[in-house]
Amino acid sequence: MNNGEVRQRQETIARELDKIMRRQQHLEATNERLQEKAIDIRHSLTDLDLTDAQYQQLKLANEEDVTLKDFVAVCLSVCLSCLLAPQLYLELDRLSINHVNNIFKISNY
């Protein structure tokens, strides 16, 4: 390899390294913006409690018009209602059993 070829090869490598460095800087800047957005989203996803009226209104709304926070709140409400329904039935059963027990206690006196 002569000096001209070596110099040309070094210039090619230098250009490729420069291109890689610029891409790396771009990716780091993009990553930083994405991390900031993730933090903003995490902070916005607090206080997800919905009233029945809010839930109904959001359920009827076009999904594309609903904010991420409201979308998550609706999904959370659906999940919670699926979990809480059996608990409510069990609580009603417990109250009924206690009521019957109290009636028997009173009648046994």
C-alpha atoms as a PDB file:
ATOM      1  CA  MET A   1       0.000   0.000   0.000  1.00  0.00           C
ATOM      2  CA  ASN A   2       1.434   3.373  -0.937  1.00  0.00           C
ATOM      3  CA  ASN A   3       1.139   6.621   1.023  1.00  0.00           C
ATOM      4  CA  GLY A   4      -1.779   7.847  -1.081  1.00  0.00           C
ATOM      5  CA  GLU A   5      -3.794   4.719  -0.404  1.00  0.00           C
ATOM      6  CA  VAL A   6      -2.990   4.842   3.298  1.00  0.00           C
ATOM      7  CA  ARG A   7      -4.017   8.489   3.526  1.00  0.00           C
ATOM      8  CA  GLN A   8      -7.237   7.775   1.612  1.00  0.00           C
ATOM      9  CA  ARG A   9      -8.009   4.844   3.923  1.00  0.00           C
ATOM     10  CA  GLN A  10      -7.367   7.030   6.997  1.00  0.00           C
ATOM     11  CA  GLU A  11      -9.679   9.738   5.647  1.00  0.00           C
ATOM     12  CA  THR A  12     -12.397   7.166   5.010  1.00  0.00           C
ATOM     13  CA  ILE A  13     -12.027   5.837   8.553  1.00  0.00           C
ATOM     14  CA  ALA A  14     -12.076   9.398   9.935  1.00  0.00           C
ATOM     15  CA  ARG A  15     -15.316  10.170   8.028  1.00  0.00           C
ATOM     16  CA  GLU A  16     -16.913   6.939   9.255  1.00  0.00           C
ATOM     17  CA  LEU A  17     -15.896   7.702  12.850  1.00  0.00           C
ATOM     18  CA  ASP A  18     -17.272  11.230  12.531  1.00  0.00           C
ATOM     19  CA  LYS A  19     -20.534   9.842  11.190  1.00  0.00           C
ATOM     20  CA  ILE A  20     -20.713   7.327  14.067  1.00  0.00           C
ATOM     21  CA  MET A  21     -20.003  10.069  16.635  1.00  0.00           C
ATOM     22  CA  ARG A  22     -22.741  12.325  15.234  1.00  0.00           C
ATOM     23  CA  ARG A  23     -25.195   9.410  15.290  1.00  0.00           C
ATOM     24  CA  GLN A  24     -24.209   8.598  18.880  1.00  0.00           C
ATOM     25  CA  GLN A  25     -24.796  12.214  19.945  1.00  0.00           C
ATOM     26  CA  HIS A  26     -28.183  12.197  18.206  1.00  0.00           C
ATOM     27  CA  LEU A  27     -29.156   8.948  19.958  1.00  0.00           C
ATOM     28  CA  GLU A  28     -28.059  10.302  23.348  1.00  0.00           C
ATOM     29  CA  ALA A  29     -30.145  13.456  22.840  1.00  0.00           C
ATOM     30  CA  THR A  30     -33.142  11.363  21.789  1.00  0.00           C
ATOM     31  CA  ASN A  31     -32.694   9.107  24.809  1.00  0.00           C
ATOM     32  CA  GLU A  32     -32.611  12.104  27.139  1.00  0.00           C
ATOM     33  CA  ARG A  33     -35.854  13.492  25.649  1.00  0.00           C
ATOM     34  CA  LEU A  34     -37.535  10.088  25.965  1.00  0.00           C
ATOM     35  CA  GLN A  35     -36.468   9.760  29.600  1.00  0.00           C
ATOM     36  CA  GLU A  36     -37.887  13.218  30.356  1.00  0.00           C
ATOM     37  CA  LYS A  37     -41.169  12.248  28.673  1.00  0.00           C
ATOM     38  CA  ALA A  38     -41.293   9.027  30.694  1.00  0.00           C
ATOM     39  CA  ILE A  39     -40.885  11.014  33.909  1.00  0.00           C
ATOM     40  CA  ASP A  40     -43.636  13.422  32.823  1.00  0.00           C
ATOM     41  CA  ILE A  41     -45.962  10.522  32.024  1.00  0.00           C
ATOM     42  CA  ARG A  42     -45.180   8.827  35.325  1.00  0.00           C
ATOM     43  CA  HIS A  43     -46.053  12.040  37.179  1.00  0.00           C
ATOM     44  CA  SER A  44     -49.251  12.506  35.183  1.00  0.00           C
ATOM     45  CA  LEU A  45     -50.456   8.998  36.026  1.00  0.00           C
ATOM     46  CA  THR A  46     -51.355   9.859  39.582  1.00  0.00           C
ATOM     47  CA  ASP A  47     -54.852  10.347  40.973  1.00  0.00           C
ATOM     48  CA  LEU A  48     -56.554   7.927  38.605  1.00  0.00           C
ATOM     49  CA  ASP A  49     -59.801   7.668  40.564  1.00  0.00           C
ATOM     50  CA  LEU A  50     -62.901   8.249  38.449  1.00  0.00           C
ATOM     51  CA  THR A  51     -66.448   8.971  39.484  1.00  0.00           C
ATOM     52  CA  ASP A  52     -69.157   6.911  37.808  1.00  0.00           C
ATOM     53  CA  ALA A  53     -70.086   9.923  35.679  1.00  0.00           C
ATOM     54  CA  GLN A  54     -66.475  10.468  34.584  1.00  0.00           C
ATOM     55  CA  TYR A  55     -66.129   6.768  33.796  1.00  0.00           C
ATOM     56  CA  GLN A  56     -69.281   6.746  31.670  1.00  0.00           C
ATOM     57  CA  GLN A  57     -68.243   9.916  29.848  1.00  0.00           C
ATOM     58  CA  LEU A  58     -64.784   8.550  29.073  1.00  0.00           C
ATOM     59  CA  LYS A  59     -66.152   5.162  28.009  1.00  0.00           C
ATOM     60  CA  LEU A  60     -68.378   6.910  25.456  1.00  0.00           C
ATOM     61  CA  ALA A  61     -65.599   9.173  24.178  1.00  0.00           C
ATOM     62  CA  ASN A  62     -63.642   8.373  21.046  1.00  0.00           C
ATOM     63  CA  GLU A  63     -60.481   6.539  22.107  1.00  0.00           C
ATOM     64  CA  GLU A  64     -58.303   8.869  20.030  1.00  0.00           C
ATOM     65  CA  ASP A  65     -59.684  11.916  21.864  1.00  0.00           C
ATOM     66  CA  VAL A  66     -58.948  10.544  25.346  1.00  0.00           C
ATOM     67  CA  THR A  67     -55.716  11.493  27.100  1.00  0.00           C
ATOM     68  CA  LEU A  68     -53.304   8.781  28.165  1.00  0.00           C
ATOM     69  CA  LYS A  69     -54.122   9.486  31.806  1.00  0.00           C
ATOM     70  CA  ASP A  70     -57.858   9.102  31.195  1.00  0.00           C
ATOM     71  CA  PHE A  71     -57.323   5.954  29.120  1.00  0.00           C
ATOM     72  CA  VAL A  72     -55.282   4.391  31.929  1.00  0.00           C
ATOM     73  CA  ALA A  73     -57.875   5.510  34.485  1.00  0.00           C
ATOM     74  CA  VAL A  74     -60.650   3.768  32.521  1.00  0.00           C
ATOM     75  CA  CYS A  75     -58.596   0.572  32.174  1.00  0.00           C
ATOM     76  CA  LEU A  76     -57.773   0.686  35.878  1.00  0.00           C
ATOM     77  CA  SER A  77     -61.447   1.188  36.764  1.00  0.00           C
ATOM     78  CA  VAL A  78     -62.408  -1.839  34.689  1.00  0.00           C
ATOM     79  CA  CYS A  79     -59.735  -3.980  36.368  1.00  0.00           C
ATOM     80  CA  LEU A  80     -60.642  -2.766  39.838  1.00  0.00           C
ATOM     81  CA  SER A  81     -64.346  -3.377  39.316  1.00  0.00           C
ATOM     82  CA  CYS A  82     -63.561  -6.958  38.242  1.00  0.00           C
ATOM     83  CA  LEU A  83     -61.558  -7.418  41.428  1.00  0.00           C
ATOM     84  CA  LEU A  84     -63.930  -5.601  43.753  1.00  0.00           C
ATOM     85  CA  ALA A  85     -67.185  -7.217  42.599  1.00  0.00           C
ATOM     86  CA  PRO A  86     -66.466 -10.601  44.209  1.00  0.00           C
ATOM     87  CA  GLN A  87     -65.278  -8.824  47.348  1.00  0.00           C
ATOM     88  CA  LEU A  88     -68.570  -6.928  47.561  1.00  0.00           C
ATOM     89  CA  TYR A  89     -70.566 -10.149  47.222  1.00  0.00           C
ATOM     90  CA  LEU A  90     -68.480 -11.761  49.948  1.00  0.00           C
ATOM     91  CA  GLU A  91     -69.015  -8.749  52.197  1.00  0.00           C
ATOM     92  CA  LEU A  92     -72.772  -8.921  51.608  1.00  0.00           C
ATOM     93  CA  ASP A  93     -72.741 -12.634  52.416  1.00  0.00           C
ATOM     94  CA  ARG A  94     -70.791 -11.948  55.606  1.00  0.00           C
ATOM     95  CA  LEU A  95     -73.246  -9.232  56.639  1.00  0.00           C
ATOM     96  CA  SER A  96     -76.195 -11.525  55.925  1.00  0.00           C
ATOM     97  CA  ILE A  97     -74.668 -14.332  57.975  1.00  0.00           C
ATOM     98  CA  ASN A  98     -73.945 -11.936  60.851  1.00  0.00           C
ATOM     99  CA  HIS A  99     -77.508 -10.630  60.671  1.00  0.00           C
ATOM    100  CA  VAL A 100     -78.937 -14.171  60.807  1.00  0.00           C
ATOM    101  CA  ASN A 101     -76.595 -15.035  63.686  1.00  0.00           C
ATOM    102  CA  ASN A 102     -77.748 -11.950  65.577  1.00  0.00           C
ATOM    103  CA  ILE A 103     -81.387 -12.932  65.052  1.00  0.00           C
ATOM    104  CA  PHE A 104     -80.699 -16.420  66.438  1.00  0.00           C
ATOM    105  CA  LYS A 105     -78.825 -14.979  69.403  1.00  0.00           C
ATOM    106  CA  ILE A 106     -81.752 -12.702  70.210  1.00  0.00           C
ATOM    107  CA  SER A 107     -84.309 -15.485  69.834  1.00  0.00           C
ATOM    108  CA  ASN A 108     -82.260 -17.827  72.085  1.00  0.00           C
ATOM    109  CA  TYR A 109     -82.388 -15.441  75.056  1.00  0.00           C
END
